[in-house]
């Protein structure tokens, strides 16, 4: 039987990771590169994307950065084209980019405690735009390439909160004002589950 390195060898494959400069995306990029894939690090934070691509390249692996706002169709198209132009294909799409108030408090406007009854429409719309519309745009752009190639893999990152509501007691701290996991997180993660099922059936 093949060893693990052979089983998970991605040599000759090209991967694009959205949210590549984030907490999880960074690890996805490093792991894919170590497995032999040529990686495009896509992130709205261009500096983080550039730094990670440089770090991976310095370790002897293939990586490039593509600063990108995944809610902008033209920027998404450019990131996919950059991958294909540089590596000759797009074999793996990892949809990791998402807004999470725990890690992105500065990117979500006027959320306060995230209490449902006071949750601002602007924050709701922003989460839908990034967590769902962004994933749709990236998947659509990648699908065009993968259908032409006749192959490809899409990996959509979700959460247990896409299947079950959060236990809000976990977010309370003694002596501190109440805090809540926002409705947008559960709603968009549930949307990811539905979107993934749709793509698999399609």
N, C-alpha and C. Protein backbone atom coordinates (compact mmCIF):
# COMPACT_ATOMS: atom_id res chain seq x y z
N UNK A 1 0.84 -1.20 0.00
CA UNK A 1 0.00 0.00 0.00
C UNK A 1 0.87 1.24 0.00
N UNK A 2 0.44 2.29 -0.67
CA UNK A 2 1.21 3.53 -0.76
C UNK A 2 1.33 4.17 0.61
N UNK A 3 2.45 4.88 0.81
CA UNK A 3 2.57 5.61 2.07
C UNK A 3 1.79 6.91 1.98
N UNK A 4 1.70 7.63 3.10
CA UNK A 4 0.87 8.83 3.16
C UNK A 4 1.33 9.89 2.17
N UNK A 5 2.66 10.05 2.03
CA UNK A 5 3.16 11.07 1.12
C UNK A 5 2.72 10.80 -0.31
N UNK A 6 2.71 9.53 -0.70
CA UNK A 6 2.28 9.17 -2.05
C UNK A 6 0.77 9.33 -2.21
N UNK A 7 0.03 8.94 -1.17
CA UNK A 7 -1.43 9.02 -1.23
C UNK A 7 -1.92 10.45 -1.38
N UNK A 8 -1.22 11.37 -0.73
CA UNK A 8 -1.66 12.77 -0.74
C UNK A 8 -0.76 13.66 -1.59
N UNK A 9 -0.02 13.05 -2.50
CA UNK A 9 0.87 13.82 -3.38
C UNK A 9 0.05 14.67 -4.34
N UNK A 10 0.28 15.98 -4.33
CA UNK A 10 -0.43 16.92 -5.20
C UNK A 10 0.50 17.56 -6.22
N UNK A 11 1.58 16.92 -6.51
CA UNK A 11 2.52 17.44 -7.50
C UNK A 11 1.83 17.64 -8.83
N UNK A 12 2.07 18.78 -9.46
CA UNK A 12 1.46 19.08 -10.74
C UNK A 12 0.06 19.65 -10.65
N UNK A 13 -0.46 19.81 -9.42
CA UNK A 13 -1.79 20.40 -9.23
C UNK A 13 -1.66 21.85 -8.81
N UNK A 14 -2.64 22.66 -9.19
CA UNK A 14 -2.66 24.07 -8.81
C UNK A 14 -3.85 24.31 -7.90
N UNK A 15 -3.61 24.99 -6.79
CA UNK A 15 -4.66 25.25 -5.81
C UNK A 15 -4.81 26.75 -5.58
N UNK A 16 -6.05 27.18 -5.40
CA UNK A 16 -6.35 28.56 -5.04
C UNK A 16 -7.09 28.53 -3.71
N UNK A 17 -6.58 29.27 -2.73
CA UNK A 17 -7.17 29.28 -1.39
C UNK A 17 -7.64 30.69 -1.07
N UNK A 18 -8.96 30.86 -0.90
CA UNK A 18 -9.46 32.17 -0.49
C UNK A 18 -9.34 32.30 1.03
N UNK A 19 -9.17 33.54 1.48
CA UNK A 19 -8.89 33.73 2.90
C UNK A 19 -7.56 33.10 3.26
N UNK A 20 -6.67 33.04 2.28
CA UNK A 20 -5.40 32.33 2.44
C UNK A 20 -4.48 32.92 3.49
N UNK A 21 -4.70 34.19 3.82
CA UNK A 21 -3.86 34.81 4.84
C UNK A 21 -4.46 34.73 6.23
N UNK A 22 -5.62 34.08 6.36
CA UNK A 22 -6.33 34.01 7.63
C UNK A 22 -5.86 32.86 8.51
N UNK A 23 -6.54 32.70 9.63
CA UNK A 23 -6.15 31.71 10.63
C UNK A 23 -6.11 30.30 10.05
N UNK A 24 -7.18 29.87 9.38
CA UNK A 24 -7.22 28.54 8.79
C UNK A 24 -6.58 28.51 7.41
N UNK A 25 -6.83 29.55 6.62
CA UNK A 25 -6.31 29.59 5.26
C UNK A 25 -4.80 29.46 5.19
N UNK A 26 -4.12 30.06 6.14
CA UNK A 26 -2.65 29.97 6.19
C UNK A 26 -2.20 28.52 6.27
N UNK A 27 -2.87 27.76 7.11
CA UNK A 27 -2.51 26.35 7.28
C UNK A 27 -2.87 25.53 6.04
N UNK A 28 -3.99 25.86 5.41
CA UNK A 28 -4.36 25.16 4.18
C UNK A 28 -3.30 25.39 3.10
N UNK A 29 -2.87 26.64 2.96
CA UNK A 29 -1.86 26.98 1.94
C UNK A 29 -0.55 26.24 2.20
N UNK A 30 -0.10 26.27 3.43
CA UNK A 30 1.16 25.59 3.77
C UNK A 30 1.09 24.09 3.52
N UNK A 31 -0.04 23.49 3.89
CA UNK A 31 -0.19 22.04 3.75
C UNK A 31 -0.29 21.63 2.28
N UNK A 32 -1.06 22.38 1.50
CA UNK A 32 -1.17 22.08 0.07
C UNK A 32 0.19 22.20 -0.62
N UNK A 33 0.92 23.26 -0.28
CA UNK A 33 2.25 23.46 -0.88
C UNK A 33 3.20 22.33 -0.48
N UNK A 34 3.17 21.94 0.78
CA UNK A 34 4.04 20.86 1.25
C UNK A 34 3.71 19.54 0.57
N UNK A 35 2.44 19.39 0.15
CA UNK A 35 2.02 18.18 -0.56
C UNK A 35 2.36 18.24 -2.05
N UNK A 36 2.93 19.37 -2.49
CA UNK A 36 3.39 19.47 -3.88
C UNK A 36 2.57 20.37 -4.77
N UNK A 37 1.46 20.90 -4.26
CA UNK A 37 0.62 21.77 -5.09
C UNK A 37 1.24 23.15 -5.24
N UNK A 38 0.99 23.77 -6.38
CA UNK A 38 1.36 25.17 -6.59
C UNK A 38 0.17 25.99 -6.10
N UNK A 39 0.42 26.90 -5.16
CA UNK A 39 -0.66 27.56 -4.43
C UNK A 39 -0.76 29.04 -4.78
N UNK A 40 -2.00 29.50 -4.96
CA UNK A 40 -2.29 30.94 -5.05
C UNK A 40 -2.97 31.35 -3.76
N UNK A 41 -2.31 32.23 -3.02
CA UNK A 41 -2.84 32.73 -1.75
C UNK A 41 -3.71 33.94 -2.04
N UNK A 42 -5.02 33.78 -1.87
CA UNK A 42 -5.97 34.85 -2.14
C UNK A 42 -6.47 35.42 -0.82
N UNK A 43 -6.34 36.73 -0.65
CA UNK A 43 -6.81 37.35 0.59
C UNK A 43 -7.05 38.83 0.33
N UNK A 44 -8.03 39.40 1.02
CA UNK A 44 -8.30 40.83 0.89
C UNK A 44 -7.16 41.65 1.49
N UNK A 45 -6.43 41.04 2.44
CA UNK A 45 -5.26 41.66 3.03
C UNK A 45 -4.05 41.29 2.18
N UNK A 46 -3.72 42.16 1.24
CA UNK A 46 -2.64 41.87 0.30
C UNK A 46 -1.30 41.64 0.96
N UNK A 47 -1.04 42.37 2.04
CA UNK A 47 0.24 42.22 2.73
C UNK A 47 0.38 40.82 3.32
N UNK A 48 -0.69 40.33 3.95
CA UNK A 48 -0.65 38.97 4.51
C UNK A 48 -0.47 37.94 3.41
N UNK A 49 -1.17 38.12 2.30
CA UNK A 49 -1.06 37.18 1.19
C UNK A 49 0.36 37.17 0.62
N UNK A 50 0.93 38.34 0.45
CA UNK A 50 2.29 38.44 -0.07
C UNK A 50 3.30 37.79 0.85
N UNK A 51 3.15 38.04 2.15
CA UNK A 51 4.09 37.49 3.13
C UNK A 51 4.03 35.97 3.15
N UNK A 52 2.82 35.41 3.13
CA UNK A 52 2.69 33.96 3.18
C UNK A 52 3.25 33.32 1.91
N UNK A 53 2.94 33.89 0.76
CA UNK A 53 3.48 33.35 -0.49
C UNK A 53 5.00 33.38 -0.49
N UNK A 54 5.58 34.45 0.02
CA UNK A 54 7.04 34.56 0.10
C UNK A 54 7.61 33.52 1.06
N UNK A 55 6.92 33.30 2.17
CA UNK A 55 7.38 32.32 3.15
C UNK A 55 7.37 30.91 2.56
N UNK A 56 6.29 30.58 1.87
CA UNK A 56 6.17 29.25 1.26
C UNK A 56 7.23 29.06 0.17
N UNK A 57 7.43 30.09 -0.63
CA UNK A 57 8.44 30.02 -1.70
C UNK A 57 9.84 29.85 -1.13
N UNK A 58 10.11 30.55 -0.02
CA UNK A 58 11.42 30.46 0.61
C UNK A 58 11.71 29.06 1.15
N UNK A 59 10.66 28.29 1.38
CA UNK A 59 10.82 26.92 1.86
C UNK A 59 10.99 25.93 0.71
N UNK A 60 11.02 26.45 -0.51
CA UNK A 60 11.25 25.60 -1.67
C UNK A 60 10.01 25.10 -2.36
N UNK A 61 8.85 25.64 -1.99
CA UNK A 61 7.59 25.24 -2.61
C UNK A 61 7.10 26.34 -3.55
N UNK A 62 6.04 26.04 -4.30
CA UNK A 62 5.49 27.00 -5.26
C UNK A 62 4.31 27.76 -4.67
N UNK A 63 4.39 29.07 -4.69
CA UNK A 63 3.27 29.89 -4.21
C UNK A 63 3.35 31.28 -4.82
N UNK A 64 2.19 31.88 -5.00
CA UNK A 64 2.08 33.27 -5.43
C UNK A 64 0.90 33.88 -4.69
N UNK A 65 0.86 35.18 -4.63
CA UNK A 65 -0.24 35.85 -3.95
C UNK A 65 -1.15 36.53 -4.97
N UNK A 66 -2.41 36.70 -4.58
CA UNK A 66 -3.38 37.42 -5.41
C UNK A 66 -4.31 38.18 -4.46
N UNK A 67 -3.92 39.39 -4.07
CA UNK A 67 -4.82 40.20 -3.24
C UNK A 67 -6.16 40.35 -3.93
N UNK A 68 -7.25 40.09 -3.20
CA UNK A 68 -8.55 40.02 -3.85
C UNK A 68 -9.68 40.21 -2.86
N UNK A 69 -10.66 41.03 -3.23
CA UNK A 69 -11.91 41.14 -2.52
C UNK A 69 -12.87 40.16 -3.20
N UNK A 70 -13.22 39.09 -2.52
CA UNK A 70 -14.00 38.03 -3.18
C UNK A 70 -15.44 38.44 -3.46
N UNK A 71 -15.85 39.61 -3.01
CA UNK A 71 -17.20 40.09 -3.36
C UNK A 71 -17.19 40.87 -4.67
N UNK A 72 -16.02 41.03 -5.27
CA UNK A 72 -15.87 41.77 -6.53
C UNK A 72 -15.63 40.77 -7.66
N UNK A 73 -16.58 40.58 -8.56
CA UNK A 73 -16.44 39.58 -9.63
C UNK A 73 -15.18 39.74 -10.47
N UNK A 74 -14.80 40.99 -10.75
CA UNK A 74 -13.62 41.22 -11.59
C UNK A 74 -12.34 40.83 -10.87
N UNK A 75 -12.28 41.10 -9.58
CA UNK A 75 -11.09 40.70 -8.82
C UNK A 75 -11.00 39.18 -8.69
N UNK A 76 -12.14 38.54 -8.52
CA UNK A 76 -12.16 37.08 -8.46
C UNK A 76 -11.70 36.48 -9.80
N UNK A 77 -12.22 37.01 -10.88
CA UNK A 77 -11.83 36.54 -12.22
C UNK A 77 -10.33 36.70 -12.42
N UNK A 78 -9.78 37.83 -11.97
CA UNK A 78 -8.35 38.09 -12.12
C UNK A 78 -7.52 37.09 -11.33
N UNK A 79 -7.97 36.74 -10.11
CA UNK A 79 -7.23 35.79 -9.28
C UNK A 79 -7.22 34.40 -9.92
N UNK A 80 -8.34 34.00 -10.48
CA UNK A 80 -8.41 32.70 -11.16
C UNK A 80 -7.53 32.71 -12.40
N UNK A 81 -7.61 33.78 -13.17
CA UNK A 81 -6.77 33.88 -14.38
C UNK A 81 -5.29 33.88 -14.03
N UNK A 82 -4.93 34.55 -12.95
CA UNK A 82 -3.52 34.57 -12.53
C UNK A 82 -3.04 33.17 -12.20
N UNK A 83 -3.90 32.38 -11.57
CA UNK A 83 -3.55 31.00 -11.24
C UNK A 83 -3.32 30.18 -12.50
N UNK A 84 -4.26 30.26 -13.43
CA UNK A 84 -4.16 29.48 -14.67
C UNK A 84 -2.97 29.94 -15.51
N UNK A 85 -2.76 31.23 -15.58
CA UNK A 85 -1.64 31.75 -16.38
C UNK A 85 -0.30 31.34 -15.80
N UNK A 86 -0.20 31.31 -14.48
CA UNK A 86 1.07 30.97 -13.83
C UNK A 86 1.33 29.47 -13.79
N UNK A 87 0.28 28.70 -13.51
CA UNK A 87 0.46 27.27 -13.27
C UNK A 87 -0.12 26.37 -14.36
N UNK A 88 -0.91 26.93 -15.27
CA UNK A 88 -1.43 26.14 -16.37
C UNK A 88 -2.76 25.47 -16.11
N UNK A 89 -3.25 25.54 -14.88
CA UNK A 89 -4.53 24.91 -14.55
C UNK A 89 -5.03 25.46 -13.22
N UNK A 90 -6.24 25.06 -12.86
CA UNK A 90 -6.78 25.29 -11.52
C UNK A 90 -7.46 23.99 -11.13
N UNK A 91 -6.82 23.23 -10.27
CA UNK A 91 -7.29 21.89 -9.92
C UNK A 91 -8.03 21.85 -8.59
N UNK A 92 -7.72 22.78 -7.70
CA UNK A 92 -8.29 22.76 -6.34
C UNK A 92 -8.69 24.18 -5.95
N UNK A 93 -9.94 24.34 -5.55
CA UNK A 93 -10.40 25.60 -4.97
C UNK A 93 -10.77 25.33 -3.52
N UNK A 94 -10.17 26.08 -2.61
CA UNK A 94 -10.54 26.00 -1.19
C UNK A 94 -11.22 27.32 -0.82
N UNK A 95 -12.53 27.26 -0.60
CA UNK A 95 -13.29 28.44 -0.20
C UNK A 95 -13.23 28.58 1.32
N UNK A 96 -12.23 29.31 1.79
CA UNK A 96 -12.01 29.46 3.22
C UNK A 96 -12.36 30.85 3.74
N UNK A 97 -12.41 31.83 2.85
CA UNK A 97 -12.66 33.22 3.27
C UNK A 97 -14.05 33.36 3.87
N UNK A 98 -14.12 34.04 5.01
CA UNK A 98 -15.41 34.30 5.66
C UNK A 98 -15.19 35.33 6.76
N UNK A 99 -16.25 36.04 7.07
CA UNK A 99 -16.22 36.96 8.20
C UNK A 99 -16.64 36.21 9.46
N UNK A 100 -15.85 36.38 10.51
CA UNK A 100 -16.18 35.82 11.82
C UNK A 100 -15.86 36.90 12.84
N UNK A 101 -16.86 37.36 13.59
CA UNK A 101 -16.62 38.48 14.52
C UNK A 101 -15.55 38.19 15.55
N UNK A 102 -15.27 36.92 15.81
CA UNK A 102 -14.23 36.57 16.77
C UNK A 102 -12.85 36.97 16.26
N UNK A 103 -12.67 36.87 14.94
CA UNK A 103 -11.37 37.15 14.36
C UNK A 103 -11.33 38.43 13.53
N UNK A 104 -12.50 38.96 13.16
CA UNK A 104 -12.55 40.14 12.30
C UNK A 104 -13.41 41.25 12.89
N UNK A 105 -13.17 41.64 14.13
CA UNK A 105 -14.05 42.66 14.73
C UNK A 105 -13.99 43.99 14.01
N UNK A 106 -12.86 44.29 13.37
CA UNK A 106 -12.71 45.58 12.70
C UNK A 106 -13.35 45.59 11.31
N UNK A 107 -13.73 44.42 10.80
CA UNK A 107 -14.29 44.34 9.46
C UNK A 107 -15.83 44.30 9.46
N UNK A 108 -16.41 44.25 10.63
CA UNK A 108 -17.86 44.18 10.72
C UNK A 108 -18.36 45.41 11.47
N UNK A 109 -19.23 46.17 10.82
CA UNK A 109 -19.60 47.48 11.34
C UNK A 109 -20.67 47.42 12.42
N UNK A 110 -20.49 48.18 13.46
CA UNK A 110 -21.52 48.48 14.47
C UNK A 110 -22.22 47.25 15.01
N UNK A 111 -21.48 46.21 15.34
CA UNK A 111 -22.14 45.00 15.81
C UNK A 111 -22.46 45.04 17.30
N UNK A 112 -21.69 45.76 18.07
CA UNK A 112 -21.90 45.82 19.52
C UNK A 112 -21.85 44.41 20.10
N UNK A 113 -22.91 43.99 20.78
CA UNK A 113 -22.90 42.68 21.45
C UNK A 113 -23.31 41.55 20.51
N UNK A 114 -23.73 41.87 19.29
CA UNK A 114 -24.26 40.89 18.33
C UNK A 114 -25.64 40.38 18.72
N UNK A 115 -26.32 41.06 19.66
CA UNK A 115 -27.66 40.64 20.05
C UNK A 115 -28.58 40.69 18.83
N UNK A 116 -29.37 39.65 18.64
CA UNK A 116 -30.21 39.55 17.44
C UNK A 116 -31.16 40.73 17.28
N UNK A 117 -31.80 41.13 18.37
CA UNK A 117 -32.83 42.16 18.26
C UNK A 117 -32.26 43.53 17.91
N UNK A 118 -30.94 43.70 18.04
CA UNK A 118 -30.31 44.98 17.72
C UNK A 118 -29.32 44.87 16.57
N UNK A 119 -29.25 43.70 15.96
CA UNK A 119 -28.21 43.46 14.96
C UNK A 119 -28.43 44.36 13.74
N UNK A 120 -27.40 45.10 13.30
CA UNK A 120 -27.58 46.06 12.20
C UNK A 120 -27.68 45.40 10.83
N UNK A 121 -28.51 45.97 10.01
CA UNK A 121 -28.69 45.46 8.65
C UNK A 121 -27.39 45.48 7.86
N UNK A 122 -26.58 46.51 8.08
CA UNK A 122 -25.31 46.61 7.34
C UNK A 122 -24.40 45.42 7.64
N UNK A 123 -24.36 44.99 8.89
CA UNK A 123 -23.52 43.84 9.27
C UNK A 123 -24.09 42.55 8.69
N UNK A 124 -25.42 42.43 8.68
CA UNK A 124 -26.09 41.27 8.08
C UNK A 124 -25.73 41.17 6.60
N UNK A 125 -25.85 42.29 5.89
CA UNK A 125 -25.58 42.28 4.45
C UNK A 125 -24.11 42.00 4.15
N UNK A 126 -23.24 42.56 4.98
CA UNK A 126 -21.81 42.35 4.78
C UNK A 126 -21.43 40.87 4.92
N UNK A 127 -22.01 40.20 5.92
CA UNK A 127 -21.72 38.78 6.12
C UNK A 127 -22.26 37.94 4.96
N UNK A 128 -23.46 38.26 4.47
CA UNK A 128 -24.00 37.55 3.32
C UNK A 128 -23.11 37.75 2.09
N UNK A 129 -22.65 38.98 1.90
CA UNK A 129 -21.81 39.29 0.74
C UNK A 129 -20.52 38.48 0.74
N UNK A 130 -19.86 38.43 1.90
CA UNK A 130 -18.57 37.73 1.97
C UNK A 130 -18.75 36.22 2.07
N UNK A 131 -19.54 35.77 3.04
CA UNK A 131 -19.61 34.34 3.35
C UNK A 131 -20.36 33.52 2.31
N UNK A 132 -21.33 34.14 1.61
CA UNK A 132 -22.09 33.40 0.62
C UNK A 132 -21.85 33.88 -0.81
N UNK A 133 -22.05 35.17 -1.05
CA UNK A 133 -21.85 35.67 -2.41
C UNK A 133 -20.40 35.51 -2.85
N UNK A 134 -19.47 35.76 -1.95
CA UNK A 134 -18.05 35.58 -2.28
C UNK A 134 -17.75 34.14 -2.67
N UNK A 135 -18.30 33.19 -1.92
CA UNK A 135 -18.09 31.78 -2.23
C UNK A 135 -18.71 31.42 -3.58
N UNK A 136 -19.91 31.98 -3.84
CA UNK A 136 -20.57 31.77 -5.13
C UNK A 136 -19.70 32.27 -6.28
N UNK A 137 -19.18 33.48 -6.16
CA UNK A 137 -18.38 34.07 -7.24
C UNK A 137 -17.10 33.27 -7.49
N UNK A 138 -16.43 32.86 -6.41
CA UNK A 138 -15.19 32.09 -6.57
C UNK A 138 -15.46 30.72 -7.17
N UNK A 139 -16.52 30.09 -6.73
CA UNK A 139 -16.87 28.76 -7.26
C UNK A 139 -17.28 28.84 -8.72
N UNK A 140 -18.02 29.88 -9.07
CA UNK A 140 -18.46 30.05 -10.46
C UNK A 140 -17.27 30.28 -11.38
N UNK A 141 -16.34 31.14 -10.94
CA UNK A 141 -15.15 31.40 -11.77
C UNK A 141 -14.29 30.15 -11.91
N UNK A 142 -14.14 29.41 -10.82
CA UNK A 142 -13.35 28.18 -10.87
C UNK A 142 -14.04 27.11 -11.71
N UNK A 143 -15.37 27.04 -11.62
CA UNK A 143 -16.11 26.02 -12.36
C UNK A 143 -15.90 26.15 -13.87
N UNK A 144 -15.83 27.38 -14.36
CA UNK A 144 -15.62 27.58 -15.79
C UNK A 144 -14.32 26.93 -16.24
N UNK A 145 -13.27 27.09 -15.43
CA UNK A 145 -11.97 26.50 -15.76
C UNK A 145 -12.03 24.99 -15.61
N UNK A 146 -12.60 24.52 -14.51
CA UNK A 146 -12.62 23.08 -14.23
C UNK A 146 -13.46 22.31 -15.24
N UNK A 147 -14.56 22.89 -15.70
CA UNK A 147 -15.37 22.23 -16.72
C UNK A 147 -14.61 22.10 -18.03
N UNK A 148 -13.84 23.13 -18.36
CA UNK A 148 -13.02 23.08 -19.57
C UNK A 148 -11.94 22.01 -19.45
N UNK A 149 -11.34 21.92 -18.28
CA UNK A 149 -10.30 20.92 -18.02
C UNK A 149 -10.87 19.51 -17.95
N UNK A 150 -12.13 19.42 -17.52
CA UNK A 150 -12.74 18.11 -17.32
C UNK A 150 -12.47 17.53 -15.95
N UNK A 151 -11.94 18.35 -15.04
CA UNK A 151 -11.66 17.86 -13.68
C UNK A 151 -11.44 19.05 -12.75
N UNK A 152 -11.51 18.77 -11.47
CA UNK A 152 -11.29 19.81 -10.46
C UNK A 152 -12.02 19.47 -9.17
N UNK A 153 -11.56 20.07 -8.10
CA UNK A 153 -12.12 19.82 -6.77
C UNK A 153 -12.40 21.15 -6.09
N UNK A 154 -13.59 21.26 -5.48
CA UNK A 154 -13.93 22.44 -4.69
C UNK A 154 -14.16 22.00 -3.25
N UNK A 155 -13.55 22.73 -2.32
CA UNK A 155 -13.69 22.44 -0.90
C UNK A 155 -14.24 23.69 -0.23
N UNK A 156 -15.43 23.56 0.36
CA UNK A 156 -16.09 24.70 1.00
C UNK A 156 -16.04 24.53 2.52
N UNK A 157 -15.49 25.51 3.19
CA UNK A 157 -15.36 25.43 4.64
C UNK A 157 -16.65 25.87 5.32
N UNK A 158 -17.11 25.06 6.25
CA UNK A 158 -18.35 25.34 6.95
C UNK A 158 -18.08 25.38 8.45
N UNK A 159 -19.05 25.03 9.24
CA UNK A 159 -18.96 25.04 10.70
C UNK A 159 -20.08 24.17 11.23
N UNK A 160 -19.90 23.68 12.45
CA UNK A 160 -21.00 22.93 13.07
C UNK A 160 -22.23 23.82 13.22
N UNK A 161 -22.01 25.15 13.24
CA UNK A 161 -23.13 26.07 13.36
C UNK A 161 -23.94 26.18 12.07
N UNK A 162 -23.48 25.54 11.03
CA UNK A 162 -24.30 25.41 9.83
C UNK A 162 -25.35 24.32 9.98
N UNK A 163 -25.17 23.49 11.01
CA UNK A 163 -26.08 22.38 11.25
C UNK A 163 -26.86 22.52 12.56
N UNK A 164 -26.30 23.27 13.50
CA UNK A 164 -26.94 23.44 14.81
C UNK A 164 -26.75 24.87 15.28
N UNK A 165 -27.73 25.38 16.00
CA UNK A 165 -27.62 26.73 16.53
C UNK A 165 -26.58 26.81 17.63
N UNK A 166 -25.92 27.96 17.79
CA UNK A 166 -24.88 28.11 18.81
C UNK A 166 -25.46 28.14 20.22
N UNK A 167 -24.74 27.57 21.14
CA UNK A 167 -25.08 27.68 22.57
C UNK A 167 -24.50 29.01 23.04
N UNK A 168 -25.35 30.00 23.19
CA UNK A 168 -24.88 31.35 23.50
C UNK A 168 -24.22 31.45 24.87
N UNK A 169 -24.42 30.48 25.74
CA UNK A 169 -23.77 30.50 27.05
C UNK A 169 -22.25 30.44 26.92
N UNK A 170 -21.77 29.87 25.81
CA UNK A 170 -20.33 29.75 25.60
C UNK A 170 -19.65 31.10 25.42
N UNK A 171 -20.43 32.12 25.06
CA UNK A 171 -19.85 33.42 24.72
C UNK A 171 -20.00 34.44 25.84
N UNK A 172 -20.53 34.00 26.98
CA UNK A 172 -20.69 34.91 28.11
C UNK A 172 -19.46 34.83 29.02
N UNK A 173 -19.02 35.97 29.50
CA UNK A 173 -17.88 36.04 30.43
C UNK A 173 -18.32 36.76 31.69
N UNK A 174 -18.03 36.14 32.80
CA UNK A 174 -18.44 36.71 34.08
C UNK A 174 -17.86 38.11 34.27
N UNK A 175 -18.72 39.03 34.66
CA UNK A 175 -18.28 40.39 34.89
C UNK A 175 -18.18 41.24 33.65
N UNK A 176 -18.53 40.66 32.48
CA UNK A 176 -18.47 41.40 31.22
C UNK A 176 -19.86 41.51 30.61
N UNK A 177 -20.10 42.51 29.76
CA UNK A 177 -21.41 42.65 29.10
C UNK A 177 -21.71 41.41 28.26
N UNK A 178 -22.99 41.10 28.07
CA UNK A 178 -23.37 39.93 27.26
C UNK A 178 -22.83 40.02 25.84
N UNK A 179 -22.38 38.90 25.30
CA UNK A 179 -21.93 38.80 23.92
C UNK A 179 -22.60 37.58 23.30
N UNK A 180 -22.82 37.65 21.98
CA UNK A 180 -23.52 36.57 21.30
C UNK A 180 -22.83 36.23 19.98
N UNK A 181 -22.88 34.96 19.61
CA UNK A 181 -22.49 34.58 18.26
C UNK A 181 -23.61 35.10 17.35
N UNK A 182 -23.30 35.90 16.34
CA UNK A 182 -24.37 36.55 15.58
C UNK A 182 -25.16 35.59 14.69
N UNK A 183 -26.38 36.00 14.40
CA UNK A 183 -27.26 35.21 13.53
C UNK A 183 -26.62 34.96 12.17
N UNK A 184 -25.87 35.93 11.68
CA UNK A 184 -25.28 35.80 10.34
C UNK A 184 -24.36 34.60 10.23
N UNK A 185 -23.69 34.26 11.33
CA UNK A 185 -22.75 33.14 11.26
C UNK A 185 -23.49 31.83 10.99
N UNK A 186 -24.52 31.55 11.77
CA UNK A 186 -25.31 30.33 11.57
C UNK A 186 -25.99 30.32 10.21
N UNK A 187 -26.56 31.45 9.83
CA UNK A 187 -27.30 31.52 8.57
C UNK A 187 -26.38 31.30 7.38
N UNK A 188 -25.23 31.97 7.36
CA UNK A 188 -24.34 31.82 6.21
C UNK A 188 -23.69 30.44 6.18
N UNK A 189 -23.38 29.88 7.32
CA UNK A 189 -22.78 28.53 7.33
C UNK A 189 -23.80 27.48 6.89
N UNK A 190 -25.06 27.67 7.26
CA UNK A 190 -26.11 26.78 6.76
C UNK A 190 -26.23 26.94 5.24
N UNK A 191 -26.07 28.17 4.77
CA UNK A 191 -26.08 28.43 3.34
C UNK A 191 -24.96 27.71 2.62
N UNK A 192 -23.80 27.64 3.25
CA UNK A 192 -22.66 26.92 2.66
C UNK A 192 -23.00 25.45 2.48
N UNK A 193 -23.67 24.87 3.48
CA UNK A 193 -24.08 23.46 3.37
C UNK A 193 -25.00 23.26 2.16
N UNK A 194 -26.01 24.12 2.04
CA UNK A 194 -26.93 24.01 0.92
C UNK A 194 -26.25 24.24 -0.41
N UNK A 195 -25.35 25.22 -0.46
CA UNK A 195 -24.64 25.53 -1.70
C UNK A 195 -23.76 24.35 -2.12
N UNK A 196 -23.10 23.74 -1.16
CA UNK A 196 -22.22 22.60 -1.44
C UNK A 196 -23.02 21.42 -1.97
N UNK A 197 -24.17 21.16 -1.36
CA UNK A 197 -25.03 20.08 -1.84
C UNK A 197 -25.50 20.35 -3.27
N UNK A 198 -25.83 21.61 -3.53
CA UNK A 198 -26.26 21.99 -4.88
C UNK A 198 -25.13 21.71 -5.89
N UNK A 199 -23.94 22.17 -5.56
CA UNK A 199 -22.81 21.98 -6.49
C UNK A 199 -22.52 20.50 -6.72
N UNK A 200 -22.57 19.71 -5.65
CA UNK A 200 -22.29 18.28 -5.77
C UNK A 200 -23.30 17.60 -6.69
N UNK A 201 -24.57 17.98 -6.53
CA UNK A 201 -25.61 17.40 -7.38
C UNK A 201 -25.50 17.90 -8.82
N UNK A 202 -25.13 19.19 -8.97
CA UNK A 202 -25.02 19.78 -10.29
C UNK A 202 -23.89 19.14 -11.08
